[in-house]
N, C-alpha and C. Protein backbone atom coordinates (compact mmCIF):
# COMPACT_ATOMS: atom_id res chain seq x y z
N MET A 1 4.61 13.76 -37.83
CA MET A 1 3.81 14.39 -38.73
C MET A 1 3.98 15.99 -38.64
N SER A 2 4.07 16.71 -39.60
CA SER A 2 4.22 18.16 -39.56
C SER A 2 2.66 18.82 -39.57
N VAL A 3 2.00 17.96 -40.15
CA VAL A 3 0.39 18.64 -40.12
C VAL A 3 -0.11 18.74 -38.82
N GLN A 4 -0.80 19.60 -38.35
CA GLN A 4 -1.38 19.89 -37.09
C GLN A 4 -2.73 20.12 -37.02
N GLU A 5 -3.43 19.55 -38.15
CA GLU A 5 -4.96 19.76 -38.28
C GLU A 5 -5.46 18.62 -37.61
N ILE A 6 -6.81 18.93 -37.01
CA ILE A 6 -7.59 17.95 -36.54
C ILE A 6 -8.81 17.83 -37.28
N LEU A 7 -9.51 16.80 -38.03
CA LEU A 7 -10.61 16.88 -38.71
C LEU A 7 -11.59 16.14 -37.86
N VAL A 8 -12.58 17.07 -37.78
CA VAL A 8 -14.10 16.49 -36.93
C VAL A 8 -15.07 16.04 -37.82
N ILE A 9 -15.34 14.80 -37.87
CA ILE A 9 -16.52 14.25 -38.71
C ILE A 9 -17.72 13.96 -38.15
N ASN A 10 -18.73 14.56 -38.49
CA ASN A 10 -20.14 14.26 -37.89
C ASN A 10 -21.08 13.67 -38.76
N GLY A 11 -21.64 12.70 -38.51
CA GLY A 11 -22.58 11.71 -39.38
C GLY A 11 -23.83 12.32 -39.25
N PRO A 12 -24.84 11.43 -39.83
CA PRO A 12 -26.18 11.79 -40.09
C PRO A 12 -27.05 12.37 -38.96
N ASN A 13 -27.78 13.31 -39.07
CA ASN A 13 -28.75 14.03 -37.91
C ASN A 13 -27.74 14.87 -37.13
N LEU A 14 -26.62 14.80 -37.05
CA LEU A 14 -25.92 15.78 -36.15
C LEU A 14 -26.01 17.12 -36.52
N ASN A 15 -26.55 17.33 -37.67
CA ASN A 15 -26.81 18.84 -38.27
C ASN A 15 -28.03 19.36 -37.31
N LEU A 16 -28.74 18.44 -36.81
CA LEU A 16 -30.03 18.90 -35.85
C LEU A 16 -29.61 18.96 -34.29
N LEU A 17 -28.25 18.89 -34.12
CA LEU A 17 -28.07 19.05 -32.75
C LEU A 17 -28.73 20.49 -32.13
N GLY A 18 -29.35 20.32 -30.80
CA GLY A 18 -30.03 21.50 -30.31
C GLY A 18 -31.34 21.41 -30.51
N GLN A 19 -31.78 20.72 -31.59
CA GLN A 19 -33.30 20.61 -31.87
C GLN A 19 -33.74 19.15 -31.72
N ARG A 20 -32.91 18.05 -32.04
CA ARG A 20 -33.46 16.71 -32.00
C ARG A 20 -32.92 16.05 -30.78
N GLN A 21 -34.02 15.66 -30.14
CA GLN A 21 -33.89 14.73 -28.89
C GLN A 21 -32.80 15.53 -27.79
N PRO A 22 -33.17 16.72 -27.25
CA PRO A 22 -32.24 17.43 -26.58
C PRO A 22 -32.11 16.79 -25.04
N GLU A 23 -33.17 15.90 -25.01
CA GLU A 23 -32.99 15.22 -23.48
C GLU A 23 -31.91 14.06 -23.67
N ILE A 24 -31.68 13.82 -24.85
CA ILE A 24 -30.35 12.79 -24.98
C ILE A 24 -29.09 13.54 -25.57
N TYR A 25 -29.25 14.45 -26.36
CA TYR A 25 -28.14 15.05 -26.97
C TYR A 25 -27.83 16.54 -26.61
N GLY A 26 -28.75 17.25 -25.79
CA GLY A 26 -28.36 18.39 -25.13
C GLY A 26 -28.79 19.73 -26.06
N HIS A 27 -28.60 20.66 -25.80
CA HIS A 27 -28.98 21.84 -26.48
C HIS A 27 -27.96 22.50 -27.32
N ASP A 28 -26.68 22.18 -27.15
CA ASP A 28 -25.74 22.81 -28.09
C ASP A 28 -25.98 22.51 -29.57
N THR A 29 -25.77 23.45 -30.42
CA THR A 29 -25.96 23.18 -31.67
C THR A 29 -24.60 22.82 -32.45
N LEU A 30 -24.65 22.14 -33.44
CA LEU A 30 -23.40 21.86 -34.08
C LEU A 30 -22.42 23.11 -34.29
N ALA A 31 -22.92 24.07 -34.69
CA ALA A 31 -22.14 25.57 -34.82
C ALA A 31 -21.68 26.07 -33.57
N SER A 32 -22.35 26.01 -32.40
CA SER A 32 -21.70 26.28 -31.20
C SER A 32 -20.49 25.13 -30.65
N ILE A 33 -20.86 24.01 -31.05
CA ILE A 33 -19.58 23.00 -30.76
C ILE A 33 -18.56 23.44 -31.66
N GLU A 34 -18.64 23.46 -32.72
CA GLU A 34 -17.52 24.06 -33.79
C GLU A 34 -16.96 25.27 -33.27
N ASP A 35 -17.61 26.28 -32.86
CA ASP A 35 -16.80 27.63 -32.27
C ASP A 35 -16.00 27.42 -31.08
N LYS A 36 -16.58 26.73 -30.10
CA LYS A 36 -15.70 26.00 -28.98
C LYS A 36 -14.52 25.27 -29.15
N CYS A 37 -14.52 24.55 -30.23
CA CYS A 37 -13.65 23.72 -30.56
C CYS A 37 -12.58 24.42 -31.36
N ALA A 38 -13.05 25.20 -32.14
CA ALA A 38 -11.88 26.28 -32.92
C ALA A 38 -11.18 26.97 -31.98
N GLU A 39 -11.85 27.81 -31.05
CA GLU A 39 -11.36 28.61 -30.09
C GLU A 39 -10.17 27.68 -29.47
N LEU A 40 -10.47 26.50 -28.70
CA LEU A 40 -9.60 25.75 -28.04
C LEU A 40 -8.62 25.09 -28.90
N ALA A 41 -8.91 24.99 -30.11
CA ALA A 41 -7.76 24.41 -31.15
C ALA A 41 -6.67 25.62 -31.10
N ARG A 42 -6.97 26.78 -31.28
CA ARG A 42 -6.04 28.06 -31.47
C ARG A 42 -5.18 28.04 -30.04
N GLU A 43 -5.88 27.90 -29.05
CA GLU A 43 -5.13 27.98 -27.79
C GLU A 43 -4.34 26.93 -27.60
N LEU A 44 -4.47 25.53 -28.26
CA LEU A 44 -3.72 24.51 -28.26
C LEU A 44 -2.74 24.45 -29.26
N GLY A 45 -2.61 25.35 -30.28
CA GLY A 45 -1.77 25.55 -31.33
C GLY A 45 -1.82 24.61 -32.46
N VAL A 46 -3.16 24.32 -32.71
CA VAL A 46 -3.58 23.23 -33.77
C VAL A 46 -4.71 23.98 -34.53
N SER A 47 -5.03 23.29 -35.60
CA SER A 47 -6.25 23.93 -36.32
C SER A 47 -7.20 22.54 -36.29
N VAL A 48 -8.37 23.08 -36.48
CA VAL A 48 -9.60 21.99 -36.55
C VAL A 48 -10.30 22.54 -37.69
N ARG A 49 -10.92 21.43 -38.30
CA ARG A 49 -11.76 21.67 -39.23
C ARG A 49 -12.99 20.75 -39.29
N PHE A 50 -14.11 20.96 -39.39
CA PHE A 50 -15.32 20.36 -39.38
C PHE A 50 -16.13 19.95 -40.51
N GLY A 51 -16.58 18.64 -40.47
CA GLY A 51 -17.16 18.30 -42.00
C GLY A 51 -18.55 17.43 -41.23
N GLN A 52 -19.64 17.61 -41.92
CA GLN A 52 -20.71 16.66 -41.56
C GLN A 52 -21.52 16.57 -42.81
N SER A 53 -22.08 15.11 -42.81
CA SER A 53 -22.96 14.69 -43.94
C SER A 53 -23.90 13.62 -43.31
N ASN A 54 -25.00 13.78 -43.80
CA ASN A 54 -26.10 12.58 -43.77
C ASN A 54 -25.74 11.39 -44.80
N HIS A 55 -24.65 11.46 -45.35
CA HIS A 55 -24.46 10.58 -46.56
C HIS A 55 -23.17 9.84 -46.32
N GLU A 56 -23.26 8.40 -46.22
CA GLU A 56 -22.14 7.52 -45.96
C GLU A 56 -21.01 7.90 -46.81
N GLY A 57 -21.15 8.10 -48.17
CA GLY A 57 -20.05 8.15 -49.06
C GLY A 57 -19.30 9.54 -48.98
N ALA A 58 -20.25 10.51 -48.77
CA ALA A 58 -19.49 11.86 -48.28
C ALA A 58 -18.57 11.72 -47.06
N ILE A 59 -18.96 10.89 -46.10
CA ILE A 59 -18.00 10.78 -44.87
C ILE A 59 -16.80 10.11 -45.25
N ILE A 60 -17.00 9.15 -46.12
CA ILE A 60 -15.79 8.45 -46.62
C ILE A 60 -14.84 9.17 -47.47
N ASP A 61 -15.45 10.24 -48.40
CA ASP A 61 -14.59 11.05 -48.84
C ASP A 61 -13.82 11.91 -47.87
N LEU A 62 -14.45 12.47 -46.78
CA LEU A 62 -13.78 13.26 -45.83
C LEU A 62 -12.63 12.63 -45.16
N ILE A 63 -12.87 11.32 -44.82
CA ILE A 63 -11.71 10.45 -44.51
C ILE A 63 -10.47 10.07 -45.45
N HIS A 64 -11.03 10.05 -46.79
CA HIS A 64 -9.81 10.10 -47.70
C HIS A 64 -9.05 11.07 -47.67
N GLU A 65 -9.74 12.35 -47.74
CA GLU A 65 -9.10 13.72 -47.82
C GLU A 65 -8.26 13.85 -46.63
N ALA A 66 -8.61 13.32 -45.40
CA ALA A 66 -7.82 13.59 -44.30
C ALA A 66 -6.59 12.68 -44.44
N ARG A 67 -6.25 12.05 -45.10
CA ARG A 67 -5.14 11.26 -45.17
C ARG A 67 -4.10 12.00 -45.77
N GLU A 68 -4.25 13.06 -46.62
CA GLU A 68 -3.15 14.12 -46.99
C GLU A 68 -3.25 15.22 -46.26
N LYS A 69 -4.33 15.67 -45.43
CA LYS A 69 -4.40 16.87 -44.81
C LYS A 69 -4.44 17.00 -43.26
N SER A 70 -4.74 15.94 -42.61
CA SER A 70 -5.03 15.92 -41.27
C SER A 70 -3.96 14.77 -40.41
N ALA A 71 -3.80 15.34 -39.31
CA ALA A 71 -2.97 14.43 -38.32
C ALA A 71 -3.78 13.57 -37.47
N ALA A 72 -5.22 14.03 -37.27
CA ALA A 72 -6.05 13.31 -36.41
C ALA A 72 -7.56 13.35 -36.96
N ILE A 73 -8.20 12.39 -36.64
CA ILE A 73 -9.59 12.37 -36.90
C ILE A 73 -10.60 12.26 -35.63
N ILE A 74 -11.27 13.08 -35.42
CA ILE A 74 -12.53 12.75 -34.29
C ILE A 74 -13.90 12.60 -35.11
N ILE A 75 -14.32 11.55 -34.90
CA ILE A 75 -15.54 11.00 -35.61
C ILE A 75 -16.70 10.63 -34.90
N ASN A 76 -17.87 11.36 -34.82
CA ASN A 76 -19.21 10.81 -34.44
C ASN A 76 -19.75 10.46 -35.64
N ALA A 77 -19.84 9.20 -35.92
CA ALA A 77 -20.40 8.96 -37.07
C ALA A 77 -21.91 8.59 -36.93
N GLY A 78 -22.53 8.89 -35.84
CA GLY A 78 -24.12 8.77 -35.70
C GLY A 78 -24.27 7.23 -35.92
N ALA A 79 -25.58 7.11 -36.44
CA ALA A 79 -25.92 5.74 -36.73
C ALA A 79 -25.01 4.84 -37.51
N TYR A 80 -24.20 5.62 -38.16
CA TYR A 80 -23.08 4.75 -39.10
C TYR A 80 -22.29 3.97 -38.27
N THR A 81 -21.97 4.40 -36.89
CA THR A 81 -21.09 3.62 -36.13
C THR A 81 -21.48 2.26 -36.02
N HIS A 82 -23.02 1.97 -36.11
CA HIS A 82 -23.25 0.57 -35.90
C HIS A 82 -23.52 -0.13 -37.08
N THR A 83 -23.55 0.47 -38.36
CA THR A 83 -23.98 -0.32 -39.60
C THR A 83 -22.74 -0.19 -40.44
N SER A 84 -21.70 0.74 -40.52
CA SER A 84 -21.18 0.93 -41.73
C SER A 84 -19.66 0.36 -41.58
N ILE A 85 -19.58 -0.72 -42.37
CA ILE A 85 -18.19 -1.46 -42.73
C ILE A 85 -17.32 -0.50 -43.63
N ALA A 86 -17.94 0.20 -44.58
CA ALA A 86 -17.21 1.04 -45.46
C ALA A 86 -16.63 2.25 -44.71
N ILE A 87 -17.13 2.88 -43.78
CA ILE A 87 -16.58 3.66 -42.86
C ILE A 87 -15.45 3.14 -42.06
N HIS A 88 -15.60 2.16 -41.54
CA HIS A 88 -14.55 1.32 -40.87
C HIS A 88 -13.19 0.88 -41.57
N ASP A 89 -13.52 0.68 -42.83
CA ASP A 89 -12.51 0.31 -43.80
C ASP A 89 -11.76 1.70 -44.25
N ALA A 90 -12.57 2.80 -44.42
CA ALA A 90 -11.94 4.07 -44.90
C ALA A 90 -10.99 4.33 -43.68
N LEU A 91 -11.35 4.23 -42.52
CA LEU A 91 -10.74 4.55 -41.33
C LEU A 91 -9.29 3.94 -41.25
N LYS A 92 -9.45 2.59 -41.81
CA LYS A 92 -8.20 1.82 -41.63
C LYS A 92 -7.08 2.48 -42.54
N THR A 93 -7.46 3.22 -43.46
CA THR A 93 -6.60 3.84 -44.46
C THR A 93 -5.89 5.15 -44.03
N PHE A 94 -6.26 5.48 -42.82
CA PHE A 94 -5.77 6.85 -42.29
C PHE A 94 -4.76 6.39 -40.95
N ASP A 95 -3.38 7.16 -41.35
CA ASP A 95 -2.55 6.95 -40.42
C ASP A 95 -2.39 7.60 -39.26
N GLY A 96 -3.30 8.74 -39.24
CA GLY A 96 -3.03 9.52 -37.77
C GLY A 96 -3.91 8.74 -36.87
N TYR A 97 -4.06 9.84 -35.66
CA TYR A 97 -4.90 9.45 -34.50
C TYR A 97 -6.28 9.54 -34.80
N ILE A 98 -7.11 8.36 -34.29
CA ILE A 98 -8.43 8.49 -34.51
C ILE A 98 -9.11 8.33 -33.23
N ILE A 99 -10.20 9.20 -32.98
CA ILE A 99 -10.90 9.13 -31.67
C ILE A 99 -12.41 8.87 -32.17
N GLU A 100 -13.06 8.13 -31.58
CA GLU A 100 -14.35 7.75 -31.98
C GLU A 100 -15.18 8.46 -30.76
N LEU A 101 -16.24 9.28 -30.97
CA LEU A 101 -16.91 10.25 -30.17
C LEU A 101 -18.32 9.95 -30.28
N HIS A 102 -19.06 9.90 -28.97
CA HIS A 102 -20.55 9.86 -28.94
C HIS A 102 -20.93 10.74 -27.76
N ILE A 103 -22.20 11.72 -28.08
CA ILE A 103 -22.44 12.53 -27.27
C ILE A 103 -23.28 11.81 -25.92
N SER A 104 -24.04 11.03 -26.38
CA SER A 104 -24.52 10.17 -25.10
C SER A 104 -23.73 8.89 -25.05
N ASN A 105 -24.17 8.01 -24.11
CA ASN A 105 -23.45 6.79 -23.89
C ASN A 105 -24.30 5.64 -24.76
N PRO A 106 -23.84 5.33 -25.69
CA PRO A 106 -24.55 4.00 -26.63
C PRO A 106 -24.83 3.05 -25.72
N HIS A 107 -23.94 2.48 -24.83
CA HIS A 107 -24.33 1.33 -24.03
C HIS A 107 -25.20 1.46 -23.14
N ALA A 108 -25.76 2.76 -22.76
CA ALA A 108 -26.84 2.85 -21.89
C ALA A 108 -28.09 3.07 -22.60
N ARG A 109 -28.11 2.70 -23.87
CA ARG A 109 -29.34 2.91 -24.77
C ARG A 109 -29.63 1.48 -25.48
N GLU A 110 -30.44 1.53 -26.52
CA GLU A 110 -30.83 0.40 -27.28
C GLU A 110 -29.63 -0.59 -27.41
N GLU A 111 -30.03 -1.90 -27.55
CA GLU A 111 -28.90 -2.76 -27.86
C GLU A 111 -28.07 -2.71 -29.11
N PHE A 112 -28.98 -2.26 -30.09
CA PHE A 112 -28.06 -2.33 -31.33
C PHE A 112 -27.19 -1.13 -31.53
N ARG A 113 -27.32 -0.36 -30.63
CA ARG A 113 -26.14 0.84 -30.25
C ARG A 113 -25.00 0.32 -29.52
N HIS A 114 -24.96 -0.94 -28.88
CA HIS A 114 -23.89 -1.57 -28.34
C HIS A 114 -22.84 -1.96 -29.21
N VAL A 115 -22.93 -2.08 -30.38
CA VAL A 115 -21.94 -2.55 -31.37
C VAL A 115 -21.55 -1.34 -32.13
N SER A 116 -20.07 -1.28 -32.26
CA SER A 116 -19.56 -0.11 -33.13
C SER A 116 -18.50 -0.87 -34.16
N TRP A 117 -18.55 -0.40 -35.21
CA TRP A 117 -17.83 -0.73 -36.32
C TRP A 117 -16.35 -0.03 -36.38
N ILE A 118 -16.53 1.14 -35.58
CA ILE A 118 -15.45 2.05 -35.49
C ILE A 118 -14.60 1.92 -34.50
N SER A 119 -14.91 1.20 -33.17
CA SER A 119 -14.14 1.20 -32.07
C SER A 119 -12.66 0.43 -32.30
N SER A 120 -12.80 -0.56 -33.30
CA SER A 120 -11.71 -1.35 -33.52
C SER A 120 -10.62 -0.72 -34.27
N VAL A 121 -10.87 0.27 -34.72
CA VAL A 121 -9.94 1.04 -35.68
C VAL A 121 -9.53 2.43 -34.95
N ALA A 122 -10.24 2.68 -33.76
CA ALA A 122 -9.90 3.94 -33.08
C ALA A 122 -8.89 3.78 -32.11
N ASP A 123 -8.15 4.75 -31.82
CA ASP A 123 -7.04 4.86 -30.96
C ASP A 123 -7.87 5.20 -29.41
N ALA A 124 -8.87 5.91 -29.46
CA ALA A 124 -9.58 6.08 -28.18
C ALA A 124 -10.98 6.22 -28.43
N VAL A 125 -12.05 5.92 -27.57
CA VAL A 125 -13.34 5.97 -27.77
C VAL A 125 -13.90 7.01 -26.44
N MET A 126 -14.56 7.97 -26.83
CA MET A 126 -15.25 9.01 -25.69
C MET A 126 -16.64 8.92 -25.88
N ALA A 127 -17.41 8.64 -24.58
CA ALA A 127 -18.82 8.66 -24.93
C ALA A 127 -19.60 9.23 -23.44
N GLY A 128 -20.72 9.67 -23.75
CA GLY A 128 -21.40 10.19 -22.62
C GLY A 128 -21.02 11.45 -21.79
N ALA A 129 -20.23 12.42 -22.53
CA ALA A 129 -19.79 13.78 -21.90
C ALA A 129 -20.57 14.75 -22.59
N GLY A 130 -21.63 14.26 -23.39
CA GLY A 130 -22.25 15.52 -23.91
C GLY A 130 -21.60 16.04 -24.95
N ALA A 131 -21.92 17.43 -25.31
CA ALA A 131 -21.26 18.31 -26.26
C ALA A 131 -19.67 18.52 -25.80
N TYR A 132 -19.49 18.52 -24.52
CA TYR A 132 -18.37 18.70 -23.84
C TYR A 132 -17.14 17.66 -24.18
N GLY A 133 -17.66 16.57 -24.82
CA GLY A 133 -16.78 15.39 -25.21
C GLY A 133 -16.04 15.92 -26.47
N TYR A 134 -16.68 16.86 -27.31
CA TYR A 134 -15.93 17.34 -28.53
C TYR A 134 -14.75 18.10 -27.89
N GLU A 135 -14.82 18.77 -26.98
CA GLU A 135 -13.75 19.57 -26.43
C GLU A 135 -12.32 18.46 -25.64
N LEU A 136 -12.97 17.74 -24.88
CA LEU A 136 -12.28 16.75 -24.54
C LEU A 136 -11.35 15.91 -25.41
N ALA A 137 -12.15 15.53 -26.64
CA ALA A 137 -11.41 14.95 -27.71
C ALA A 137 -10.45 15.76 -28.38
N THR A 138 -10.78 17.07 -28.82
CA THR A 138 -9.92 18.04 -29.25
C THR A 138 -8.49 18.14 -28.27
N ARG A 139 -8.69 18.23 -26.99
CA ARG A 139 -7.64 18.34 -26.22
C ARG A 139 -6.62 17.09 -26.34
N LEU A 140 -7.37 15.93 -26.54
CA LEU A 140 -6.41 14.51 -26.59
C LEU A 140 -5.92 14.57 -27.83
N ALA A 141 -6.60 14.78 -29.01
CA ALA A 141 -6.01 14.73 -30.31
C ALA A 141 -4.88 15.74 -30.39
N ALA A 142 -4.96 16.93 -30.00
CA ALA A 142 -3.83 18.03 -30.02
C ALA A 142 -2.52 17.50 -29.45
N GLU A 143 -2.78 16.93 -28.14
CA GLU A 143 -1.70 16.22 -27.35
C GLU A 143 -1.05 15.28 -28.20
N LYS A 144 -1.76 14.35 -28.95
CA LYS A 144 -1.22 13.27 -29.41
C LYS A 144 -0.48 13.82 -30.66
N ILE A 145 -1.06 14.72 -31.36
CA ILE A 145 -0.36 15.24 -32.78
C ILE A 145 0.93 16.06 -32.39
N LYS A 146 0.87 16.66 -31.31
CA LYS A 146 1.92 17.58 -31.04
C LYS A 146 3.12 16.78 -30.50
N ALA A 147 2.68 15.60 -30.06
CA ALA A 147 3.81 14.68 -29.55
C ALA A 147 4.59 14.14 -30.45
N ASP A 148 3.92 13.66 -31.64
CA ASP A 148 4.69 13.33 -32.98
C ASP A 148 5.61 14.27 -33.48
C-alpha cells in the first residue's frame, strides 16, 4: 500500500485526558499526545492523523474514511471497547494494520473491562504503558506500513 498515513482514533472521554482520573490515565493531554506522535511520525517518514469522538457513529465514520486514506489504525475506543459490536464490524472492513490501544491495563481494572470487542480484529494490542503507549503504537504501525 502506498499510503503512509496512520489514523489514531480516540473514543469517549479521551478528550478529557489530563483532567479525568489522572491517577489512572496520567497528566498528558490528548493534544500533547498528538504533538508527540506527530513529531515521531515525521521522524519515521509517515504521517499521523488524529480523530476523537464521544459518539459511536462518528468513530465508525472515521474507520470507514480510513479505508481510503490510511494504512493503519491505532484505536483507543475507550468504553466502546467493551460494548460496541458496530465498531468491531467497521474495523473488519479495514484492510490495513490495526492496533488496539489502552492507556491503563483493562485486565487490572473492573471485570467488565476484561472483554474487548476490538481485540479479535486487531493485529496487536497495547495496554498499560500510559500515554507512552501512543508512541509505541505509532512506531509499530510505521514499521508495519513501511514494510508493505
